[in-house]
Amino acid sequence: MPRKVIIILFSILFLFLCAELISLWKQKEALQAQYGEAKSQFDTAGKERDRLQADLLYLANPVNLEKELRDRLHYQAPGEKVIILVPKESSTTSSN
């Protein structure tokens, strides 16, 4: 009789351990997915940082800064004339 009780107890313990292992496996998979997403966001942020640093270096040059300000803000110096070229519209519909 004591042998059957020990076997039953070990069986219950074994099932409990298996359930815990499955639970830990699922947690591991979820954490790996979170890690992959965080790594992707980190890499994206690194690329954005590099782009911003390049822009900062470019705009540190006063000539480049003036050029960008003129382009973005449509600034013109007194007595200066600005010509804006508008591309010809292309028709996407065909006439019959």
Protein backbone atom coordinates (compact mmCIF):
# COMPACT_ATOMS: atom_id res chain seq x y z
CA MET A 1 0.00 0.00 0.00
CA PRO A 2 2.66 2.61 0.79
CA ARG A 3 4.26 1.88 -2.58
CA LYS A 4 1.02 2.81 -4.42
CA VAL A 5 0.75 6.05 -2.43
CA ILE A 6 4.34 6.96 -3.33
CA ILE A 7 3.69 6.22 -7.00
CA ILE A 8 0.52 8.34 -6.95
CA LEU A 9 2.35 11.19 -5.21
CA PHE A 10 5.21 11.05 -7.72
CA SER A 11 2.71 10.96 -10.58
CA ILE A 12 0.94 14.04 -9.23
CA LEU A 13 4.29 15.77 -8.71
CA PHE A 14 5.35 14.81 -12.25
CA LEU A 15 2.13 16.23 -13.75
CA PHE A 16 2.54 19.41 -11.73
CA LEU A 17 6.12 19.81 -12.94
CA CYS A 18 5.05 19.21 -16.55
CA ALA A 19 2.35 21.88 -16.24
CA GLU A 20 4.91 24.31 -14.80
CA LEU A 21 7.36 23.56 -17.61
CA ILE A 22 4.66 24.23 -20.20
CA SER A 23 3.78 27.48 -18.45
CA LEU A 24 7.44 28.54 -18.36
CA TRP A 25 7.83 27.64 -22.05
CA LYS A 26 4.88 29.89 -22.97
CA GLN A 27 6.31 32.72 -20.88
CA LYS A 28 9.67 32.28 -22.60
CA GLU A 29 8.03 32.49 -26.03
CA ALA A 30 6.11 35.64 -25.04
CA LEU A 31 9.27 37.26 -23.68
CA GLN A 32 11.18 36.41 -26.84
CA ALA A 33 8.45 38.08 -28.90
CA GLN A 34 8.62 41.18 -26.68
CA TYR A 35 12.41 41.20 -26.97
CA GLY A 36 12.19 41.03 -30.77
CA GLU A 37 9.76 43.95 -30.85
CA ALA A 38 11.88 46.00 -28.45
CA LYS A 39 15.02 45.25 -30.49
CA SER A 40 13.25 46.34 -33.66
CA GLN A 41 12.16 49.61 -32.01
CA PHE A 42 15.69 50.13 -30.69
CA ASP A 43 17.18 49.60 -34.15
CA THR A 44 14.64 51.99 -35.67
CA ALA A 45 15.45 54.60 -33.03
CA GLY A 46 19.17 54.16 -33.74
CA LYS A 47 18.62 54.76 -37.46
CA GLU A 48 16.51 57.83 -36.67
CA ARG A 49 19.26 59.12 -34.35
CA ASP A 50 21.85 58.65 -37.10
CA ARG A 51 19.64 60.49 -39.60
CA LEU A 52 19.08 63.36 -37.17
CA GLN A 53 22.81 63.60 -36.43
CA ALA A 54 23.52 63.76 -40.17
CA ASP A 55 20.89 66.50 -40.54
CA LEU A 56 22.43 68.38 -37.63
CA LEU A 57 25.89 68.22 -39.19
CA TYR A 58 24.47 69.34 -42.53
CA LEU A 59 22.58 72.26 -41.00
CA ALA A 60 25.59 73.30 -38.90
CA ASN A 61 27.03 74.75 -42.10
CA PRO A 62 25.53 78.27 -42.45
CA VAL A 63 25.27 77.94 -46.25
CA ASN A 64 23.25 74.74 -45.96
CA LEU A 65 21.09 76.23 -43.22
CA GLU A 66 20.26 79.26 -45.35
CA LYS A 67 19.47 77.03 -48.34
CA GLU A 68 17.09 74.87 -46.29
CA LEU A 69 15.39 77.88 -44.71
CA ARG A 70 14.85 79.43 -48.11
CA ASP A 71 13.43 76.17 -49.52
CA ARG A 72 11.19 75.30 -46.59
CA LEU A 73 9.96 78.78 -45.66
CA HIS A 74 9.94 80.23 -49.19
CA TYR A 75 12.15 83.05 -47.97
CA GLN A 76 13.48 85.59 -50.41
CA ALA A 77 15.94 88.37 -49.80
CA PRO A 78 14.92 91.96 -50.60
CA GLY A 79 15.16 92.57 -54.34
CA GLU A 80 15.39 88.86 -55.07
CA LYS A 81 12.87 87.19 -57.37
CA VAL A 82 11.72 83.62 -56.85
CA ILE A 83 10.40 81.43 -59.62
CA ILE A 84 8.26 78.45 -58.68
CA LEU A 85 7.97 75.74 -61.33
CA VAL A 86 4.79 73.70 -61.20
CA PRO A 87 4.88 70.33 -62.98
CA LYS A 88 2.41 69.75 -65.77
CA GLU A 89 -0.58 67.72 -64.61
CA SER A 90 -0.84 64.33 -66.18
CA SER A 91 -4.25 62.96 -67.03
CA THR A 92 -4.98 59.60 -65.45
CA THR A 93 -8.28 59.19 -67.27
CA SER A 94 -8.46 58.39 -70.93
CA SER A 95 -10.91 60.18 -73.20
CA ASN A 96 -12.90 58.20 -75.76
